[in-house]
Amino acid sequence: MPILDPNTLDFFSRSPEQTRRMGMRLGDMLQPGDVVCLQGELGAGKTTLVQGLAQGWGSLDKVSSPTFILVNVYRRPDESRLFHLDAYRIESTPEAEELDLDMMLSQGPLVIEWAKRLMTILPNDRLWVSLEYVTDEQRQIQVSARGKRHEGLLAEFRQAVFGVG
């Protein structure tokens, strides 16, 4: 687990289950206003990670990729919400602006697949998770943080998963 800089974490997941467990650890820490941007090719493990995020956050809903409907909303028993946005089909900035990210962020954490398509409207403060296919079982995952809240979130995640600050 090389530490590239204090706000970046680079590691390998050796199975989909390990990717899901990493997501569960991070999901448990998410609060309204948190933004988790996911980038990786098809099959890199984005939806698997989101399954863990939602489970760790406390959602009872089944997680699926919202490619065709753009946004899935997952709920906890207390009615709080986690938003899961898939920007793969977003074609333009005006189309992206119609999504109303501010409304989503005021009501819960927001996880965005294919986040690079929304660069012009993303908040500066965010976690950026890059997933890269290595083998059928392995993924290289890099998590970078921008902004005080997300830098703290990354430090808490690093401590929870790897036991180092």
Protein backbone atom coordinates (compact mmCIF):
# COMPACT_ATOMS: atom_id res chain seq x y z
CA MET A 1 0.00 0.00 0.00
CA PRO A 2 2.24 2.84 -1.15
CA ILE A 3 1.22 6.27 0.02
CA LEU A 4 1.66 8.58 -2.95
CA ASP A 5 0.85 11.66 -0.91
CA PRO A 6 -1.21 12.21 2.24
CA ASN A 7 -4.40 12.59 0.20
CA THR A 8 -3.99 9.56 -2.06
CA LEU A 9 -4.25 5.86 -1.26
CA ASP A 10 -3.28 3.15 -3.74
CA PHE A 11 -4.01 -0.55 -3.16
CA PHE A 12 -5.01 -3.82 -4.83
CA SER A 13 -8.26 -5.65 -4.31
CA ARG A 14 -7.80 -9.37 -4.84
CA SER A 15 -11.49 -10.29 -5.30
CA PRO A 16 -14.94 -8.78 -5.89
CA GLU A 17 -15.73 -9.60 -2.26
CA GLN A 18 -12.70 -7.61 -1.07
CA THR A 19 -13.78 -4.67 -3.28
CA ARG A 20 -17.27 -4.90 -1.75
CA ARG A 21 -15.80 -4.97 1.79
CA MET A 22 -13.67 -1.87 1.03
CA GLY A 23 -16.86 -0.19 -0.13
CA MET A 24 -18.64 -1.21 3.07
CA ARG A 25 -15.93 0.41 5.18
CA LEU A 26 -16.17 3.64 3.21
CA GLY A 27 -19.97 3.56 3.05
CA ASP A 28 -20.17 3.39 6.84
CA MET A 29 -18.41 6.79 6.99
CA LEU A 30 -20.50 8.67 4.41
CA GLN A 31 -22.59 11.69 5.38
CA PRO A 32 -24.93 14.00 3.45
CA GLY A 33 -22.87 16.22 1.16
CA ASP A 34 -20.11 13.66 0.60
CA VAL A 35 -19.22 13.06 -3.06
CA VAL A 36 -17.58 9.83 -4.20
CA CYS A 37 -16.55 9.93 -7.87
CA LEU A 38 -15.85 6.61 -9.55
CA GLN A 39 -13.83 6.19 -12.71
CA GLY A 40 -12.92 2.97 -14.49
CA GLU A 41 -13.69 1.09 -17.65
CA LEU A 42 -16.59 -1.33 -17.99
CA GLY A 43 -15.91 -4.31 -15.73
CA ALA A 44 -13.47 -2.43 -13.48
CA GLY A 45 -15.61 -2.98 -10.38
CA LYS A 46 -17.52 0.31 -9.98
CA THR A 47 -20.91 -1.29 -9.32
CA THR A 48 -19.33 -3.88 -7.02
CA LEU A 49 -17.79 -1.06 -4.98
CA VAL A 50 -21.14 0.78 -4.89
CA GLN A 51 -22.84 -2.40 -3.62
CA GLY A 52 -20.45 -2.31 -0.67
CA LEU A 53 -20.84 1.46 -0.18
CA ALA A 54 -24.62 1.19 -0.02
CA GLN A 55 -24.51 -1.82 2.31
CA GLY A 56 -22.00 -0.16 4.63
CA TRP A 57 -24.07 3.04 4.59
CA GLY A 58 -27.07 0.99 5.75
CA SER A 59 -29.24 0.67 2.65
CA LEU A 60 -31.64 -2.22 2.50
CA ASP A 61 -32.19 -1.70 -1.25
CA LYS A 62 -30.65 -3.82 -3.99
CA VAL A 63 -27.88 -1.99 -5.83
CA SER A 64 -27.77 -1.95 -9.60
CA SER A 65 -26.07 0.30 -12.11
CA PRO A 66 -28.43 3.16 -13.05
CA THR A 67 -27.08 3.40 -16.62
CA PHE A 68 -30.49 3.81 -18.26
CA ILE A 69 -32.32 5.78 -15.55
CA LEU A 70 -29.31 7.94 -14.50
CA VAL A 71 -29.98 8.02 -10.73
CA ASN A 72 -30.85 5.30 -8.23
CA VAL A 73 -31.86 6.31 -4.73
CA TYR A 74 -31.12 3.90 -1.89
CA ARG A 75 -32.85 4.32 1.46
CA ARG A 76 -32.13 3.36 5.03
CA PRO A 77 -34.85 2.49 7.53
CA ASP A 78 -34.60 6.08 8.89
CA GLU A 79 -35.56 7.35 5.38
CA SER A 80 -32.18 9.00 4.74
CA ARG A 81 -30.98 8.62 1.16
CA LEU A 82 -27.87 7.72 -0.80
CA PHE A 83 -27.81 8.83 -4.44
CA HIS A 84 -26.11 6.69 -7.10
CA LEU A 85 -25.66 8.52 -10.39
CA ASP A 86 -24.36 6.98 -13.60
CA ALA A 87 -23.08 9.70 -15.94
CA TYR A 88 -22.19 7.32 -18.79
CA ARG A 89 -25.04 8.63 -20.99
CA ILE A 90 -24.60 12.32 -20.13
CA GLU A 91 -23.69 14.11 -23.37
CA SER A 92 -23.29 17.77 -22.39
CA THR A 93 -22.82 20.25 -19.56
CA PRO A 94 -26.41 21.59 -19.86
CA GLU A 95 -27.72 18.04 -19.62
CA ALA A 96 -25.53 17.45 -16.56
CA GLU A 97 -26.70 20.68 -14.93
CA GLU A 98 -30.30 19.42 -15.09
CA LEU A 99 -29.38 16.67 -12.62
CA ASP A 100 -29.47 19.09 -9.63
CA LEU A 101 -26.46 17.74 -7.74
CA ASP A 102 -26.96 20.38 -5.03
CA MET A 103 -30.40 18.97 -4.15
CA MET A 104 -28.99 15.44 -3.95
CA LEU A 105 -26.04 16.55 -1.80
CA SER A 106 -28.34 18.37 0.60
CA GLN A 107 -30.23 15.13 1.18
CA GLY A 108 -27.49 12.52 1.29
CA PRO A 109 -24.16 11.27 0.00
CA LEU A 110 -23.71 11.10 -3.77
CA VAL A 111 -21.81 8.37 -5.63
CA ILE A 112 -21.10 9.08 -9.30
CA GLU A 113 -20.01 6.48 -11.85
CA TRP A 114 -18.22 7.87 -14.95
CA ALA A 115 -17.65 11.08 -13.01
CA LYS A 116 -15.22 12.52 -15.60
CA ARG A 117 -18.26 13.30 -17.75
CA LEU A 118 -19.40 15.78 -15.06
CA MET A 119 -16.09 17.55 -14.39
CA THR A 120 -17.53 20.99 -15.15
CA ILE A 121 -20.21 20.72 -12.45
CA LEU A 122 -18.57 18.54 -9.77
CA PRO A 123 -17.90 20.10 -6.38
CA ASN A 124 -14.19 20.72 -5.76
CA ASP A 125 -14.40 18.82 -2.47
CA ARG A 126 -14.71 15.14 -3.27
CA LEU A 127 -13.25 11.65 -3.16
CA TRP A 128 -12.03 10.32 -6.50
CA VAL A 129 -11.85 6.52 -6.81
CA SER A 130 -10.14 5.08 -9.88
CA LEU A 131 -10.58 1.36 -10.47
CA GLU A 132 -8.44 -0.50 -12.96
CA TYR A 133 -8.86 -4.07 -14.17
CA VAL A 134 -5.70 -6.12 -13.52
CA THR A 135 -6.91 -9.73 -13.79
CA ASP A 136 -10.34 -11.38 -13.54
CA GLU A 137 -10.04 -11.23 -9.75
CA GLN A 138 -7.74 -8.25 -9.11
CA ARG A 139 -8.32 -4.53 -9.35
CA GLN A 140 -5.96 -1.67 -8.67
CA ILE A 141 -7.81 1.02 -6.72
CA GLN A 142 -6.61 4.54 -6.10
CA VAL A 143 -8.53 6.90 -3.83
CA SER A 144 -7.71 10.62 -3.84
CA ALA A 145 -9.28 13.32 -1.69
CA ARG A 146 -9.81 17.03 -2.25
CA GLY A 147 -11.13 19.36 0.42
CA LYS A 148 -10.96 19.18 4.19
CA ARG A 149 -14.00 16.92 4.75
CA HIS A 150 -12.94 14.39 2.11
CA GLU A 151 -9.28 14.46 3.21
CA GLY A 152 -10.51 13.55 6.69
CA LEU A 153 -12.74 10.85 5.22
CA LEU A 154 -9.77 9.35 3.36
CA ALA A 155 -7.62 9.40 6.52
CA GLU A 156 -10.43 7.68 8.47
CA PHE A 157 -10.82 5.09 5.68
CA ARG A 158 -7.04 4.44 5.56
CA GLN A 159 -7.03 3.91 9.33
CA ALA A 160 -10.08 1.61 9.28
CA VAL A 161 -8.86 -0.57 6.41
CA PHE A 162 -5.09 -0.58 6.80
CA GLY A 163 -4.52 0.56 10.40
CA VAL A 164 -2.26 3.44 9.40
CA GLY A 165 -2.96 7.18 9.68
